[in-house]
Amino acid sequence: MRQILSVGILLGIAAILVTSGCATTGSGASDGDQIGALLGQWKAAVLAVDADKIMATYSENFSHDGYEYDAEDKAGLREYVEVSIAQGNFDDVEVYMEDADIAIEEGTATVYPIEYTNWEGTITIELTLTKEKAGWLINDMVIEGL
């Protein structure tokens, strides 16, 4: 069964849960709540320009074979993120995901569109997540507009 959820609603729910002390990623939280929490962590890490926290939201099984950036696996992605940080691509960034939709189907979810704006302009990101033993994690990222 395919579910379509709004990221704006999920981030709002995640914020309420965090501020009320009820944020859990245990078996009691719905997939939507867990994904909303992960997206909140990812966005906070990006805005904080923290490579370790950014990478904590990605699966060890991360894999990318697109042409838009060079990162076939998680180690390659870490290098890409660190170089991007060093080049200032995370400086004064804004991330908009309130209008993004989440499509969940059989242990996989896609989140699109996420707008990422910095001094160079705006790119659009699509995240693919998988439900793993540790919870939902990002296992691919497509970037449009590089």
N, C-alpha and C. Protein backbone atom coordinates (compact mmCIF):
# COMPACT_ATOMS: atom_id res chain seq x y z
N MET A 1 0.83 -1.18 0.00
CA MET A 1 0.00 0.00 0.00
C MET A 1 0.88 1.25 0.00
N ARG A 2 0.56 2.19 -0.86
CA ARG A 2 1.33 3.42 -1.00
C ARG A 2 0.65 4.53 -0.21
N GLN A 3 1.43 5.23 0.61
CA GLN A 3 0.94 6.37 1.38
C GLN A 3 1.62 7.63 0.87
N ILE A 4 0.89 8.71 0.75
CA ILE A 4 1.46 10.01 0.42
C ILE A 4 1.20 10.93 1.62
N LEU A 5 2.28 11.49 2.16
CA LEU A 5 2.18 12.36 3.32
C LEU A 5 2.82 13.70 3.01
N SER A 6 2.43 14.73 3.71
CA SER A 6 3.01 16.05 3.57
C SER A 6 4.14 16.23 4.58
N VAL A 7 5.30 16.66 4.12
CA VAL A 7 6.44 16.88 5.01
C VAL A 7 6.13 17.99 6.01
N GLY A 8 5.44 19.04 5.57
CA GLY A 8 5.11 20.14 6.47
C GLY A 8 4.32 19.65 7.67
N ILE A 9 3.34 18.80 7.44
CA ILE A 9 2.54 18.25 8.54
C ILE A 9 3.42 17.37 9.43
N LEU A 10 4.26 16.52 8.82
CA LEU A 10 5.11 15.62 9.61
C LEU A 10 6.12 16.39 10.45
N LEU A 11 6.71 17.44 9.89
CA LEU A 11 7.67 18.23 10.67
C LEU A 11 6.97 18.94 11.82
N GLY A 12 5.75 19.38 11.60
CA GLY A 12 4.98 19.99 12.68
C GLY A 12 4.71 19.01 13.80
N ILE A 13 4.31 17.80 13.44
CA ILE A 13 4.06 16.75 14.43
C ILE A 13 5.35 16.41 15.17
N ALA A 14 6.46 16.28 14.42
CA ALA A 14 7.75 15.96 15.05
C ALA A 14 8.15 17.05 16.04
N ALA A 15 7.93 18.32 15.68
CA ALA A 15 8.27 19.43 16.58
C ALA A 15 7.44 19.38 17.85
N ILE A 16 6.16 19.06 17.72
CA ILE A 16 5.30 18.94 18.90
C ILE A 16 5.77 17.81 19.79
N LEU A 17 6.12 16.68 19.18
CA LEU A 17 6.58 15.53 19.97
C LEU A 17 7.87 15.83 20.70
N VAL A 18 8.79 16.51 20.00
CA VAL A 18 10.08 16.84 20.63
C VAL A 18 9.87 17.81 21.79
N THR A 19 9.08 18.86 21.58
CA THR A 19 8.91 19.85 22.64
C THR A 19 8.08 19.33 23.79
N SER A 20 7.27 18.30 23.55
CA SER A 20 6.48 17.75 24.64
C SER A 20 7.18 16.56 25.31
N GLY A 21 8.38 16.22 24.81
CA GLY A 21 9.14 15.14 25.42
C GLY A 21 8.67 13.76 25.00
N CYS A 22 7.93 13.68 23.92
CA CYS A 22 7.38 12.39 23.50
C CYS A 22 8.02 11.87 22.23
N ALA A 23 9.14 12.41 21.80
CA ALA A 23 9.75 11.97 20.55
C ALA A 23 10.46 10.65 20.77
N THR A 24 9.95 9.64 20.11
CA THR A 24 10.60 8.33 20.16
C THR A 24 10.65 7.78 18.76
N THR A 25 11.62 6.93 18.52
CA THR A 25 11.66 6.24 17.25
C THR A 25 11.48 4.75 17.48
N GLY A 26 10.92 4.41 18.61
CA GLY A 26 10.67 3.01 18.93
C GLY A 26 9.55 2.46 18.08
N SER A 27 9.18 1.25 18.37
CA SER A 27 8.19 0.56 17.55
C SER A 27 6.82 1.22 17.64
N GLY A 28 6.58 2.08 18.64
CA GLY A 28 5.28 2.73 18.78
C GLY A 28 5.08 3.89 17.82
N ALA A 29 6.14 4.45 17.26
CA ALA A 29 6.02 5.58 16.35
C ALA A 29 5.68 5.08 14.95
N SER A 30 4.80 5.80 14.27
CA SER A 30 4.43 5.42 12.91
C SER A 30 5.60 5.69 11.96
N ASP A 31 5.53 5.07 10.79
CA ASP A 31 6.56 5.34 9.77
C ASP A 31 6.61 6.82 9.45
N GLY A 32 5.46 7.45 9.32
CA GLY A 32 5.42 8.88 9.02
C GLY A 32 6.09 9.71 10.09
N ASP A 33 5.83 9.38 11.36
CA ASP A 33 6.47 10.10 12.46
C ASP A 33 7.98 9.90 12.46
N GLN A 34 8.42 8.67 12.21
CA GLN A 34 9.86 8.37 12.18
C GLN A 34 10.54 9.10 11.02
N ILE A 35 9.89 9.11 9.86
CA ILE A 35 10.46 9.81 8.71
C ILE A 35 10.50 11.31 8.98
N GLY A 36 9.44 11.86 9.55
CA GLY A 36 9.42 13.28 9.90
C GLY A 36 10.55 13.63 10.85
N ALA A 37 10.81 12.77 11.83
CA ALA A 37 11.91 13.02 12.77
C ALA A 37 13.26 12.97 12.05
N LEU A 38 13.45 12.01 11.15
CA LEU A 38 14.70 11.91 10.39
C LEU A 38 14.90 13.15 9.53
N LEU A 39 13.86 13.58 8.85
CA LEU A 39 13.97 14.78 8.01
C LEU A 39 14.29 16.02 8.85
N GLY A 40 13.72 16.10 10.03
CA GLY A 40 14.05 17.20 10.95
C GLY A 40 15.51 17.16 11.36
N GLN A 41 16.03 15.96 11.65
CA GLN A 41 17.44 15.80 12.00
C GLN A 41 18.34 16.19 10.83
N TRP A 42 17.97 15.74 9.63
CA TRP A 42 18.76 16.05 8.43
C TRP A 42 18.81 17.56 8.20
N LYS A 43 17.65 18.20 8.26
CA LYS A 43 17.60 19.65 8.03
C LYS A 43 18.41 20.40 9.09
N ALA A 44 18.26 20.02 10.36
CA ALA A 44 19.00 20.68 11.44
C ALA A 44 20.50 20.51 11.24
N ALA A 45 20.94 19.33 10.82
CA ALA A 45 22.36 19.07 10.59
C ALA A 45 22.90 19.90 9.42
N VAL A 46 22.11 20.01 8.35
CA VAL A 46 22.50 20.83 7.21
C VAL A 46 22.63 22.29 7.63
N LEU A 47 21.64 22.80 8.34
CA LEU A 47 21.67 24.20 8.76
C LEU A 47 22.80 24.47 9.75
N ALA A 48 23.17 23.46 10.54
CA ALA A 48 24.27 23.60 11.50
C ALA A 48 25.63 23.39 10.84
N VAL A 49 25.64 22.99 9.59
CA VAL A 49 26.86 22.69 8.83
C VAL A 49 27.72 21.69 9.60
N ASP A 50 27.11 20.57 9.98
CA ASP A 50 27.76 19.55 10.78
C ASP A 50 27.82 18.24 9.98
N ALA A 51 28.98 17.97 9.38
CA ALA A 51 29.13 16.81 8.51
C ALA A 51 28.82 15.50 9.23
N ASP A 52 29.24 15.37 10.49
CA ASP A 52 28.97 14.13 11.23
C ASP A 52 27.48 13.91 11.43
N LYS A 53 26.76 14.97 11.78
CA LYS A 53 25.32 14.82 11.99
C LYS A 53 24.59 14.62 10.66
N ILE A 54 25.06 15.26 9.61
CA ILE A 54 24.47 15.01 8.29
C ILE A 54 24.63 13.55 7.93
N MET A 55 25.84 13.03 8.08
CA MET A 55 26.12 11.65 7.68
C MET A 55 25.38 10.64 8.56
N ALA A 56 25.04 11.01 9.79
CA ALA A 56 24.31 10.10 10.68
C ALA A 56 22.90 9.81 10.16
N THR A 57 22.39 10.64 9.25
CA THR A 57 21.05 10.42 8.70
C THR A 57 21.09 9.53 7.45
N TYR A 58 22.28 9.15 7.02
CA TYR A 58 22.44 8.32 5.82
C TYR A 58 22.76 6.88 6.18
N SER A 59 22.23 5.97 5.40
CA SER A 59 22.44 4.54 5.59
C SER A 59 23.88 4.14 5.23
N GLU A 60 24.37 3.12 5.90
CA GLU A 60 25.65 2.53 5.51
C GLU A 60 25.54 1.94 4.10
N ASN A 61 24.32 1.66 3.66
CA ASN A 61 24.06 1.10 2.34
C ASN A 61 23.80 2.17 1.29
N PHE A 62 24.13 3.44 1.60
CA PHE A 62 23.93 4.53 0.64
C PHE A 62 24.58 4.16 -0.68
N SER A 63 23.86 4.42 -1.76
CA SER A 63 24.35 4.12 -3.09
C SER A 63 23.79 5.15 -4.06
N HIS A 64 24.64 5.67 -4.92
CA HIS A 64 24.18 6.64 -5.91
C HIS A 64 24.93 6.42 -7.21
N ASP A 65 24.19 6.35 -8.31
CA ASP A 65 24.84 6.16 -9.60
C ASP A 65 24.47 7.27 -10.59
N GLY A 66 24.00 8.39 -10.06
CA GLY A 66 23.64 9.51 -10.93
C GLY A 66 24.86 10.27 -11.39
N TYR A 67 24.64 11.17 -12.29
CA TYR A 67 25.72 11.95 -12.89
C TYR A 67 25.95 13.28 -12.19
N GLU A 68 25.01 13.74 -11.36
CA GLU A 68 25.05 15.11 -10.87
C GLU A 68 26.09 15.37 -9.77
N TYR A 69 26.54 14.34 -9.10
CA TYR A 69 27.63 14.48 -8.13
C TYR A 69 28.32 13.13 -7.99
N ASP A 70 29.56 13.15 -7.52
CA ASP A 70 30.38 11.95 -7.46
C ASP A 70 30.36 11.38 -6.05
N ALA A 71 29.50 10.39 -5.82
CA ALA A 71 29.43 9.74 -4.52
C ALA A 71 28.70 8.41 -4.70
N GLU A 72 29.44 7.39 -5.02
CA GLU A 72 28.83 6.09 -5.26
C GLU A 72 28.38 5.40 -3.97
N ASP A 73 29.03 5.74 -2.83
CA ASP A 73 28.73 5.08 -1.57
C ASP A 73 28.80 6.11 -0.45
N LYS A 74 28.61 5.66 0.79
CA LYS A 74 28.58 6.60 1.91
C LYS A 74 29.92 7.30 2.10
N ALA A 75 31.03 6.60 1.90
CA ALA A 75 32.34 7.23 2.03
C ALA A 75 32.51 8.34 0.98
N GLY A 76 32.06 8.08 -0.24
CA GLY A 76 32.12 9.08 -1.29
C GLY A 76 31.21 10.27 -0.98
N LEU A 77 30.05 9.99 -0.39
CA LEU A 77 29.14 11.06 -0.01
C LEU A 77 29.76 11.93 1.08
N ARG A 78 30.40 11.30 2.06
CA ARG A 78 31.06 12.08 3.13
C ARG A 78 32.10 13.01 2.52
N GLU A 79 32.89 12.51 1.59
CA GLU A 79 33.90 13.34 0.94
C GLU A 79 33.23 14.50 0.19
N TYR A 80 32.14 14.20 -0.52
CA TYR A 80 31.41 15.24 -1.26
C TYR A 80 30.88 16.31 -0.30
N VAL A 81 30.31 15.89 0.83
CA VAL A 81 29.78 16.82 1.82
C VAL A 81 30.91 17.67 2.40
N GLU A 82 32.01 17.05 2.77
CA GLU A 82 33.13 17.79 3.38
C GLU A 82 33.73 18.79 2.40
N VAL A 83 33.88 18.42 1.13
CA VAL A 83 34.40 19.35 0.12
C VAL A 83 33.40 20.49 -0.08
N SER A 84 32.12 20.17 -0.12
CA SER A 84 31.09 21.20 -0.29
C SER A 84 31.09 22.18 0.87
N ILE A 85 31.28 21.68 2.09
CA ILE A 85 31.37 22.56 3.26
C ILE A 85 32.59 23.46 3.14
N ALA A 86 33.74 22.88 2.77
CA ALA A 86 34.97 23.66 2.63
C ALA A 86 34.85 24.74 1.56
N GLN A 87 34.06 24.48 0.52
CA GLN A 87 33.88 25.44 -0.57
C GLN A 87 32.83 26.50 -0.25
N GLY A 88 32.19 26.39 0.92
CA GLY A 88 31.21 27.37 1.33
C GLY A 88 29.80 27.11 0.84
N ASN A 89 29.55 25.92 0.30
CA ASN A 89 28.23 25.61 -0.26
C ASN A 89 27.16 25.39 0.80
N PHE A 90 27.55 25.34 2.07
CA PHE A 90 26.58 25.21 3.16
C PHE A 90 26.42 26.54 3.91
N ASP A 91 27.15 27.57 3.50
CA ASP A 91 27.07 28.87 4.17
C ASP A 91 25.73 29.53 3.86
N ASP A 92 25.08 30.02 4.90
CA ASP A 92 23.81 30.75 4.76
C ASP A 92 22.77 30.00 3.94
N VAL A 93 22.73 28.69 4.11
CA VAL A 93 21.80 27.86 3.34
C VAL A 93 20.39 27.95 3.93
N GLU A 94 19.41 27.80 3.07
CA GLU A 94 18.03 27.70 3.48
C GLU A 94 17.48 26.40 2.89
N VAL A 95 16.74 25.66 3.69
CA VAL A 95 16.16 24.39 3.24
C VAL A 95 14.65 24.48 3.40
N TYR A 96 13.95 24.28 2.30
CA TYR A 96 12.49 24.30 2.31
C TYR A 96 11.97 22.92 1.95
N MET A 97 11.27 22.30 2.89
CA MET A 97 10.68 20.99 2.60
C MET A 97 9.21 20.92 3.00
N GLU A 98 8.66 22.07 3.35
CA GLU A 98 7.27 22.09 3.81
C GLU A 98 6.28 21.64 2.74
N ASP A 99 6.61 21.84 1.47
CA ASP A 99 5.72 21.44 0.38
C ASP A 99 6.06 20.07 -0.20
N ALA A 100 7.06 19.43 0.37
CA ALA A 100 7.46 18.11 -0.15
C ALA A 100 6.44 17.05 0.23
N ASP A 101 6.33 16.07 -0.63
CA ASP A 101 5.49 14.91 -0.36
C ASP A 101 6.37 13.73 -0.03
N ILE A 102 5.87 12.86 0.83
CA ILE A 102 6.54 11.61 1.16
C ILE A 102 5.67 10.49 0.64
N ALA A 103 6.24 9.65 -0.20
CA ALA A 103 5.53 8.47 -0.69
C ALA A 103 6.16 7.26 -0.02
N ILE A 104 5.38 6.52 0.75
CA ILE A 104 5.88 5.35 1.48
C ILE A 104 5.27 4.10 0.86
N GLU A 105 6.15 3.15 0.55
CA GLU A 105 5.68 1.90 -0.03
C GLU A 105 6.64 0.77 0.33
N GLU A 106 6.18 -0.18 1.12
CA GLU A 106 6.92 -1.41 1.44
C GLU A 106 8.36 -1.17 1.88
N GLY A 107 8.56 -0.40 2.92
CA GLY A 107 9.89 -0.20 3.48
C GLY A 107 10.77 0.79 2.75
N THR A 108 10.21 1.51 1.78
CA THR A 108 10.94 2.53 1.04
C THR A 108 10.09 3.80 1.02
N ALA A 109 10.75 4.93 1.07
CA ALA A 109 10.03 6.20 1.00
C ALA A 109 10.82 7.16 0.11
N THR A 110 10.10 8.01 -0.61
CA THR A 110 10.74 9.09 -1.35
C THR A 110 10.19 10.41 -0.83
N VAL A 111 11.07 11.40 -0.78
CA VAL A 111 10.70 12.74 -0.31
C VAL A 111 11.09 13.71 -1.41
N TYR A 112 10.08 14.45 -1.93
CA TYR A 112 10.33 15.35 -3.05
C TYR A 112 9.21 16.36 -3.15
N PRO A 113 9.49 17.60 -3.47
CA PRO A 113 10.79 18.25 -3.66
C PRO A 113 11.27 18.93 -2.38
N ILE A 114 12.56 18.93 -2.19
CA ILE A 114 13.21 19.70 -1.13
C ILE A 114 14.03 20.77 -1.83
N GLU A 115 13.80 22.02 -1.49
CA GLU A 115 14.56 23.11 -2.10
C GLU A 115 15.69 23.53 -1.17
N TYR A 116 16.88 23.62 -1.73
CA TYR A 116 18.11 23.95 -1.01
C TYR A 116 18.67 25.21 -1.68
N THR A 117 18.70 26.31 -0.94
CA THR A 117 19.13 27.58 -1.52
C THR A 117 20.36 28.09 -0.78
N ASN A 118 21.37 28.49 -1.56
CA ASN A 118 22.55 29.14 -0.99
C ASN A 118 22.96 30.28 -1.92
N TRP A 119 24.15 30.80 -1.73
CA TRP A 119 24.62 31.95 -2.49
C TRP A 119 24.71 31.69 -3.99
N GLU A 120 24.74 30.42 -4.39
CA GLU A 120 24.84 30.10 -5.81
C GLU A 120 23.47 29.98 -6.49
N GLY A 121 22.43 29.80 -5.70
CA GLY A 121 21.11 29.62 -6.27
C GLY A 121 20.35 28.51 -5.56
N THR A 122 19.40 27.92 -6.26
CA THR A 122 18.55 26.89 -5.67
C THR A 122 18.68 25.59 -6.43
N ILE A 123 18.80 24.50 -5.69
CA ILE A 123 18.76 23.16 -6.26
C ILE A 123 17.55 22.44 -5.65
N THR A 124 17.12 21.41 -6.32
CA THR A 124 16.01 20.61 -5.83
C THR A 124 16.53 19.21 -5.52
N ILE A 125 16.15 18.70 -4.36
CA ILE A 125 16.65 17.40 -3.89
C ILE A 125 15.49 16.42 -3.75
N GLU A 126 15.75 15.18 -4.13
CA GLU A 126 14.85 14.07 -3.85
C GLU A 126 15.62 13.07 -3.00
N LEU A 127 15.08 12.73 -1.85
CA LEU A 127 15.69 11.75 -0.97
C LEU A 127 14.93 10.44 -1.08
N THR A 128 15.67 9.34 -1.10
CA THR A 128 15.07 8.02 -1.01
C THR A 128 15.51 7.42 0.31
N LEU A 129 14.56 6.94 1.09
CA LEU A 129 14.83 6.38 2.41
C LEU A 129 14.46 4.90 2.43
N THR A 130 15.12 4.16 3.29
CA THR A 130 14.74 2.77 3.52
C THR A 130 14.57 2.55 5.02
N LYS A 131 13.68 1.63 5.32
CA LYS A 131 13.45 1.27 6.72
C LYS A 131 14.43 0.15 7.05
N GLU A 132 15.35 0.45 7.96
CA GLU A 132 16.38 -0.49 8.34
C GLU A 132 16.21 -0.86 9.81
N LYS A 133 17.06 -1.72 10.30
CA LYS A 133 17.01 -2.13 11.70
C LYS A 133 17.06 -0.93 12.64
N ALA A 134 17.88 0.06 12.30
CA ALA A 134 18.05 1.26 13.12
C ALA A 134 16.94 2.29 12.89
N GLY A 135 16.02 2.02 11.98
CA GLY A 135 14.96 2.96 11.64
C GLY A 135 15.11 3.44 10.21
N TRP A 136 14.43 4.51 9.87
CA TRP A 136 14.48 5.07 8.53
C TRP A 136 15.77 5.84 8.33
N LEU A 137 16.46 5.59 7.22
CA LEU A 137 17.70 6.28 6.87
C LEU A 137 17.71 6.59 5.37
N ILE A 138 18.46 7.60 4.99
CA ILE A 138 18.56 8.00 3.59
C ILE A 138 19.53 7.06 2.87
N ASN A 139 19.09 6.49 1.75
CA ASN A 139 20.00 5.60 1.02
C ASN A 139 20.29 6.08 -0.40
N ASP A 140 19.68 7.21 -0.81
CA ASP A 140 20.04 7.83 -2.08
C ASP A 140 19.56 9.28 -2.06
N MET A 141 20.22 10.11 -2.87
CA MET A 141 19.87 11.51 -2.96
C MET A 141 20.11 11.96 -4.39
N VAL A 142 19.07 12.44 -5.03
CA VAL A 142 19.17 12.96 -6.38
C VAL A 142 19.10 14.48 -6.28
N ILE A 143 20.02 15.15 -6.95
CA ILE A 143 20.08 16.61 -6.91
C ILE A 143 19.85 17.14 -8.32
N GLU A 144 18.85 17.98 -8.46
CA GLU A 144 18.55 18.63 -9.75
C GLU A 144 19.02 20.07 -9.69
N GLY A 145 19.68 20.51 -10.74
CA GLY A 145 20.06 21.92 -10.83
C GLY A 145 21.50 22.23 -10.49
N LEU A 146 22.33 21.20 -10.37
CA LEU A 146 23.76 21.46 -10.11
C LEU A 146 24.45 21.92 -11.37
